[in-house]
């Protein structure tokens, strides 16, 4: 799962899962388990892609999604970037449609 970014040698990104897990827990409490589950599914697909840029953008997406006054345009921009970096996330149609509710 994606989380805090730490830049290591060679430009690789190491992530700490705790930050994103805390965000998932907040989203689950505030928006419900279906949305949190959808975010986890997308996060797992991003993690499996081994694309550090997508992981960094997803972390920002999750941070923005948990805000009480989320910026829909920012969320949409993050989502579009994630789709460009990891096209497989759109294959998660149920998860993608649930996440789209955040910015649609």
Foldseek 3Di string as FASTA:
>chain_A
DAADWDQDPPRQTDGDCVHLVVLLVLCCVVPNDQLSVLLVVLQVLLVVVSDRVLSVLSNVLSVQLNDPDHDLVSNVVSVVVNCVVRVCSVVVVSSVVSSVVSND
